[in-house]
Structures are given as C-alpha cells and as structure tokens.
C-alpha cells in the first residue's frame, strides 16, 4: 500500500498497520492481529486507485455495537471504517461525496464471489440517508443508526 493513499486516523491502528506488524493494541491492552482479509481489502481498494482515511480498525472502537449487546466486528480485528474517500468526507461532503461513496461501495460489492467478499458493507448515506447508497449495503437491510458518516466493512 502506498502511504499517501491510506491514512489511519487512530494512533494504535497506525502503529500496527502502517508500521507493518498487522497487530493493533486494543483499548483493554490486548494485542490483536487484524484479519488478513481486512488487510488485503485495504490493499485491493488502494490498488484500484482509491485514497481513503481509515477512521477505525480496532482503535477508537468500543467492544459492543452501540445500542446492542453484540460484540463489534472491530473488537477482534474483523472490520474497518472509512470516513474520507478520495479526499471527500462522507459526512460533510454532501452531494460531492456521494459519487465517491457509491463507487467505493460498488468496488466492495464487486468482491462478492471472491475470498475477499465482505460479510458487511454498511453506510446509510452521506450525512443523510440516501436510497442509492442503501442499495449497496451487504449483510443488512435498511438504515443502520450512526452510519451516515462512514462506510463500515466487516469480515
């Protein structure tokens, strides 16, 4: 991965991933190896020409999914969140962010049928719910609270 294509916003994600070990220190002090599918997906997206900010792999994420008792896919290194694609913030970019978000999600959908097929692709829109973006989700149907400001990809 070219460093200029990918930015890790959480310091512990950056230390483990940009530093090359693939192991990230979680908030409870445990060292967690990031799922190789997550790592390979990051490379695949960068190789397709996308630039992006990874807002969270393990860093900055709580154990449980907000508002539920479910353990987050992030907690054990099986997910990544993206908040900026091709230099445009998903949340505040408005209409300018939509084509980047859609292309990014289409690229993730194109991984179906391969060993990089994600179990989850979740994004409800760009700062607001958008039916075009909702149609590209994988593993969920409808609006998922808190997902209009980033794309979540889980394995």
C-alpha atoms as a PDB file:
ATOM      1  CA  UNK A   1       0.000   0.000   0.000  1.00  0.00           C
ATOM      2  CA  UNK A   2       1.281   3.430  -0.824  1.00  0.00           C
ATOM      3  CA  UNK A   3       1.346   5.525   2.345  1.00  0.00           C
ATOM      4  CA  UNK A   4      -0.094   8.546   0.543  1.00  0.00           C
ATOM      5  CA  UNK A   5      -3.188   6.550  -0.483  1.00  0.00           C
ATOM      6  CA  UNK A   6      -4.203   5.397   3.009  1.00  0.00           C
ATOM      7  CA  UNK A   7      -4.330   7.300   6.301  1.00  0.00           C
ATOM      8  CA  UNK A   8      -5.033   5.587   9.618  1.00  0.00           C
ATOM      9  CA  UNK A   9      -6.660   8.084  11.968  1.00  0.00           C
ATOM     10  CA  UNK A  10      -6.297   6.118  15.225  1.00  0.00           C
ATOM     11  CA  UNK A  11      -2.745   6.100  16.599  1.00  0.00           C
ATOM     12  CA  UNK A  12      -2.855   2.428  17.630  1.00  0.00           C
ATOM     13  CA  UNK A  13      -4.212   1.386  14.197  1.00  0.00           C
ATOM     14  CA  UNK A  14      -1.489   3.465  12.538  1.00  0.00           C
ATOM     15  CA  UNK A  15       1.258   1.944  14.710  1.00  0.00           C
ATOM     16  CA  UNK A  16       0.179  -1.623  13.969  1.00  0.00           C
ATOM     17  CA  UNK A  17      -0.854  -1.288  10.337  1.00  0.00           C
ATOM     18  CA  UNK A  18       1.221   1.452   8.768  1.00  0.00           C
ATOM     19  CA  UNK A  19       4.091   0.170  10.910  1.00  0.00           C
ATOM     20  CA  UNK A  20       3.741  -3.214   9.219  1.00  0.00           C
ATOM     21  CA  UNK A  21       3.122  -5.645  12.090  1.00  0.00           C
ATOM     22  CA  UNK A  22      -0.614  -6.103  11.480  1.00  0.00           C
ATOM     23  CA  UNK A  23      -1.106  -6.234  15.247  1.00  0.00           C
ATOM     24  CA  UNK A  24      -3.036  -3.466  16.974  1.00  0.00           C
ATOM     25  CA  UNK A  25      -3.218  -2.747  20.697  1.00  0.00           C
ATOM     26  CA  UNK A  26      -6.864  -2.623  21.757  1.00  0.00           C
ATOM     27  CA  UNK A  27      -8.240  -0.240  24.418  1.00  0.00           C
ATOM     28  CA  UNK A  28      -8.200  -3.048  27.015  1.00  0.00           C
ATOM     29  CA  UNK A  29      -4.455  -3.576  26.402  1.00  0.00           C
ATOM     30  CA  UNK A  30      -4.776  -6.768  24.341  1.00  0.00           C
ATOM     31  CA  UNK A  31      -2.735  -7.062  21.157  1.00  0.00           C
ATOM     32  CA  UNK A  32      -4.979  -8.194  18.304  1.00  0.00           C
ATOM     33  CA  UNK A  33      -3.873  -9.422  14.882  1.00  0.00           C
ATOM     34  CA  UNK A  34      -6.004  -7.741  12.229  1.00  0.00           C
ATOM     35  CA  UNK A  35      -7.857 -10.188   9.972  1.00  0.00           C
ATOM     36  CA  UNK A  36      -5.835 -10.779   6.795  1.00  0.00           C
ATOM     37  CA  UNK A  37      -8.988 -10.220   4.728  1.00  0.00           C
ATOM     38  CA  UNK A  38      -9.235  -6.692   6.165  1.00  0.00           C
ATOM     39  CA  UNK A  39      -5.598  -6.046   5.300  1.00  0.00           C
ATOM     40  CA  UNK A  40      -5.974  -7.461   1.796  1.00  0.00           C
ATOM     41  CA  UNK A  41      -9.175  -5.458   1.235  1.00  0.00           C
ATOM     42  CA  UNK A  42      -7.313  -2.250   2.121  1.00  0.00           C
ATOM     43  CA  UNK A  43      -4.624  -3.113  -0.422  1.00  0.00           C
ATOM     44  CA  UNK A  44      -7.203  -4.060  -3.072  1.00  0.00           C
ATOM     45  CA  UNK A  45      -9.031  -0.727  -2.689  1.00  0.00           C
ATOM     46  CA  UNK A  46      -5.784   1.260  -2.806  1.00  0.00           C
ATOM     47  CA  UNK A  47      -4.687  -0.726  -5.872  1.00  0.00           C
ATOM     48  CA  UNK A  48      -7.950   0.283  -7.576  1.00  0.00           C
ATOM     49  CA  UNK A  49      -6.928   3.922  -7.167  1.00  0.00           C
ATOM     50  CA  UNK A  50      -8.976   4.873  -4.120  1.00  0.00           C
ATOM     51  CA  UNK A  51      -7.458   7.096  -1.473  1.00  0.00           C
ATOM     52  CA  UNK A  52      -9.086   6.902   1.927  1.00  0.00           C
ATOM     53  CA  UNK A  53      -8.946   7.553   5.631  1.00  0.00           C
ATOM     54  CA  UNK A  54      -9.463   4.533   7.857  1.00  0.00           C
ATOM     55  CA  UNK A  55     -11.237   6.050  10.844  1.00  0.00           C
ATOM     56  CA  UNK A  56     -11.176   2.805  12.832  1.00  0.00           C
ATOM     57  CA  UNK A  57      -9.994  -0.756  12.577  1.00  0.00           C
ATOM     58  CA  UNK A  58      -9.608  -1.607  16.256  1.00  0.00           C
ATOM     59  CA  UNK A  59      -8.555   1.783  17.582  1.00  0.00           C
ATOM     60  CA  UNK A  60     -11.278   4.066  18.800  1.00  0.00           C
ATOM     61  CA  UNK A  61     -13.930   1.377  18.763  1.00  0.00           C
ATOM     62  CA  UNK A  62     -15.799   0.022  21.778  1.00  0.00           C
ATOM     63  CA  UNK A  63     -16.329  -3.671  22.429  1.00  0.00           C
ATOM     64  CA  UNK A  64     -20.072  -3.619  21.849  1.00  0.00           C
ATOM     65  CA  UNK A  65     -22.026  -2.281  18.913  1.00  0.00           C
ATOM     66  CA  UNK A  66     -23.707   0.926  20.027  1.00  0.00           C
ATOM     67  CA  UNK A  67     -27.153   0.281  21.481  1.00  0.00           C
ATOM     68  CA  UNK A  68     -26.830  -3.505  21.491  1.00  0.00           C
ATOM     69  CA  UNK A  69     -25.161  -6.311  23.373  1.00  0.00           C
ATOM     70  CA  UNK A  70     -23.472  -7.528  20.190  1.00  0.00           C
ATOM     71  CA  UNK A  71     -19.677  -7.589  20.084  1.00  0.00           C
ATOM     72  CA  UNK A  72     -18.377  -5.298  17.349  1.00  0.00           C
ATOM     73  CA  UNK A  73     -16.513  -6.881  14.404  1.00  0.00           C
ATOM     74  CA  UNK A  74     -13.832  -4.241  15.131  1.00  0.00           C
ATOM     75  CA  UNK A  75     -13.055  -5.650  18.585  1.00  0.00           C
ATOM     76  CA  UNK A  76     -11.285  -8.709  17.184  1.00  0.00           C
ATOM     77  CA  UNK A  77      -9.862  -7.038  14.063  1.00  0.00           C
ATOM     78  CA  UNK A  78     -12.513  -8.121  11.557  1.00  0.00           C
ATOM     79  CA  UNK A  79     -13.738  -4.688  10.390  1.00  0.00           C
ATOM     80  CA  UNK A  80     -12.658  -1.267   9.185  1.00  0.00           C
ATOM     81  CA  UNK A  81     -14.461   2.075   8.936  1.00  0.00           C
ATOM     82  CA  UNK A  82     -13.775   4.664   6.240  1.00  0.00           C
ATOM     83  CA  UNK A  83     -14.767   8.312   6.699  1.00  0.00           C
ATOM     84  CA  UNK A  84     -12.961  10.026   3.797  1.00  0.00           C
ATOM     85  CA  UNK A  85     -12.829   8.665   0.251  1.00  0.00           C
ATOM     86  CA  UNK A  86     -10.758  10.326  -2.469  1.00  0.00           C
ATOM     87  CA  UNK A  87     -10.309  13.380  -0.262  1.00  0.00           C
ATOM     88  CA  UNK A  88     -14.037  13.929   0.366  1.00  0.00           C
ATOM     89  CA  UNK A  89     -15.528  13.483   3.846  1.00  0.00           C
ATOM     90  CA  UNK A  90     -18.519  11.141   3.708  1.00  0.00           C
ATOM     91  CA  UNK A  91     -20.398  13.064   6.388  1.00  0.00           C
ATOM     92  CA  UNK A  92     -19.772  16.687   5.460  1.00  0.00           C
ATOM     93  CA  UNK A  93     -19.063  16.322   1.734  1.00  0.00           C
ATOM     94  CA  UNK A  94     -22.760  16.267   0.861  1.00  0.00           C
ATOM     95  CA  UNK A  95     -23.581  15.780  -2.815  1.00  0.00           C
ATOM     96  CA  UNK A  96     -19.878  15.835  -3.726  1.00  0.00           C
ATOM     97  CA  UNK A  97     -19.264  12.794  -1.512  1.00  0.00           C
ATOM     98  CA  UNK A  98     -21.997  10.619  -2.993  1.00  0.00           C
ATOM     99  CA  UNK A  99     -20.248   9.504  -6.219  1.00  0.00           C
ATOM    100  CA  UNK A 100     -17.110   8.575  -4.245  1.00  0.00           C
ATOM    101  CA  UNK A 101     -19.120   6.650  -1.665  1.00  0.00           C
ATOM    102  CA  UNK A 102     -21.118   4.851  -4.344  1.00  0.00           C
ATOM    103  CA  UNK A 103     -18.003   3.866  -6.348  1.00  0.00           C
ATOM    104  CA  UNK A 104     -16.274   2.686  -3.158  1.00  0.00           C
ATOM    105  CA  UNK A 105     -19.270   0.559  -2.166  1.00  0.00           C
ATOM    106  CA  UNK A 106     -19.595  -0.789  -5.723  1.00  0.00           C
ATOM    107  CA  UNK A 107     -15.947  -1.873  -5.551  1.00  0.00           C
ATOM    108  CA  UNK A 108     -16.704  -3.686  -2.293  1.00  0.00           C
ATOM    109  CA  UNK A 109     -19.774  -5.322  -3.849  1.00  0.00           C
ATOM    110  CA  UNK A 110     -17.611  -6.479  -6.758  1.00  0.00           C
ATOM    111  CA  UNK A 111     -15.639  -8.595  -4.271  1.00  0.00           C
ATOM    112  CA  UNK A 112     -18.631 -10.934  -3.924  1.00  0.00           C
ATOM    113  CA  UNK A 113     -17.743 -14.416  -5.087  1.00  0.00           C
ATOM    114  CA  UNK A 114     -14.074 -13.968  -4.134  1.00  0.00           C
ATOM    115  CA  UNK A 115     -12.212 -14.747  -0.933  1.00  0.00           C
ATOM    116  CA  UNK A 116     -12.377 -11.008  -0.150  1.00  0.00           C
ATOM    117  CA  UNK A 117     -16.188 -10.836  -0.138  1.00  0.00           C
ATOM    118  CA  UNK A 118     -17.188  -8.813   2.949  1.00  0.00           C
ATOM    119  CA  UNK A 119     -19.917 -10.050   5.290  1.00  0.00           C
ATOM    120  CA  UNK A 120     -20.946  -6.451   5.971  1.00  0.00           C
ATOM    121  CA  UNK A 121     -20.856  -3.218   3.996  1.00  0.00           C
ATOM    122  CA  UNK A 122     -22.841  -0.626   5.884  1.00  0.00           C
ATOM    123  CA  UNK A 123     -23.422   3.016   5.003  1.00  0.00           C
ATOM    124  CA  UNK A 124     -26.753   4.806   5.065  1.00  0.00           C
ATOM    125  CA  UNK A 125     -25.732   7.848   3.023  1.00  0.00           C
ATOM    126  CA  UNK A 126     -23.613  10.960   3.024  1.00  0.00           C
ATOM    127  CA  UNK A 127     -24.584  12.892   6.114  1.00  0.00           C
ATOM    128  CA  UNK A 128     -28.194  11.898   5.493  1.00  0.00           C
ATOM    129  CA  UNK A 129     -29.998   8.726   4.468  1.00  0.00           C
ATOM    130  CA  UNK A 130     -29.723   8.087   0.725  1.00  0.00           C
ATOM    131  CA  UNK A 131     -31.586   5.215  -1.007  1.00  0.00           C
ATOM    132  CA  UNK A 132     -28.875   4.872  -3.700  1.00  0.00           C
ATOM    133  CA  UNK A 133     -26.264   4.214  -1.021  1.00  0.00           C
ATOM    134  CA  UNK A 134     -28.594   1.949   0.996  1.00  0.00           C
ATOM    135  CA  UNK A 135     -28.998  -0.353  -2.027  1.00  0.00           C
ATOM    136  CA  UNK A 136     -25.270  -1.106  -1.978  1.00  0.00           C
ATOM    137  CA  UNK A 137     -25.181  -2.385   1.588  1.00  0.00           C
ATOM    138  CA  UNK A 138     -24.260  -6.013   2.295  1.00  0.00           C
ATOM    139  CA  UNK A 139     -25.424  -8.006   5.293  1.00  0.00           C
ATOM    140  CA  UNK A 140     -28.059  -5.544   6.477  1.00  0.00           C
ATOM    141  CA  UNK A 141     -31.316  -4.192   5.168  1.00  0.00           C
ATOM    142  CA  UNK A 142     -32.313  -0.616   5.702  1.00  0.00           C
ATOM    143  CA  UNK A 143     -30.856   2.204   7.728  1.00  0.00           C
ATOM    144  CA  UNK A 144     -28.285   1.346  10.391  1.00  0.00           C
ATOM    145  CA  UNK A 145     -28.080   4.072  13.008  1.00  0.00           C
ATOM    146  CA  UNK A 146     -24.828   6.020  13.090  1.00  0.00           C
ATOM    147  CA  UNK A 147     -23.686   5.033   9.599  1.00  0.00           C
ATOM    148  CA  UNK A 148     -24.287   8.180   7.534  1.00  0.00           C
ATOM    149  CA  UNK A 149     -20.756   9.428   8.270  1.00  0.00           C
ATOM    150  CA  UNK A 150     -18.686   6.387   7.286  1.00  0.00           C
ATOM    151  CA  UNK A 151     -18.588   3.111   5.388  1.00  0.00           C
ATOM    152  CA  UNK A 152     -18.217   0.066   7.640  1.00  0.00           C
ATOM    153  CA  UNK A 153     -16.731  -3.100   6.127  1.00  0.00           C
ATOM    154  CA  UNK A 154     -16.810  -6.279   8.189  1.00  0.00           C
ATOM    155  CA  UNK A 155     -15.466  -9.783   7.673  1.00  0.00           C
END
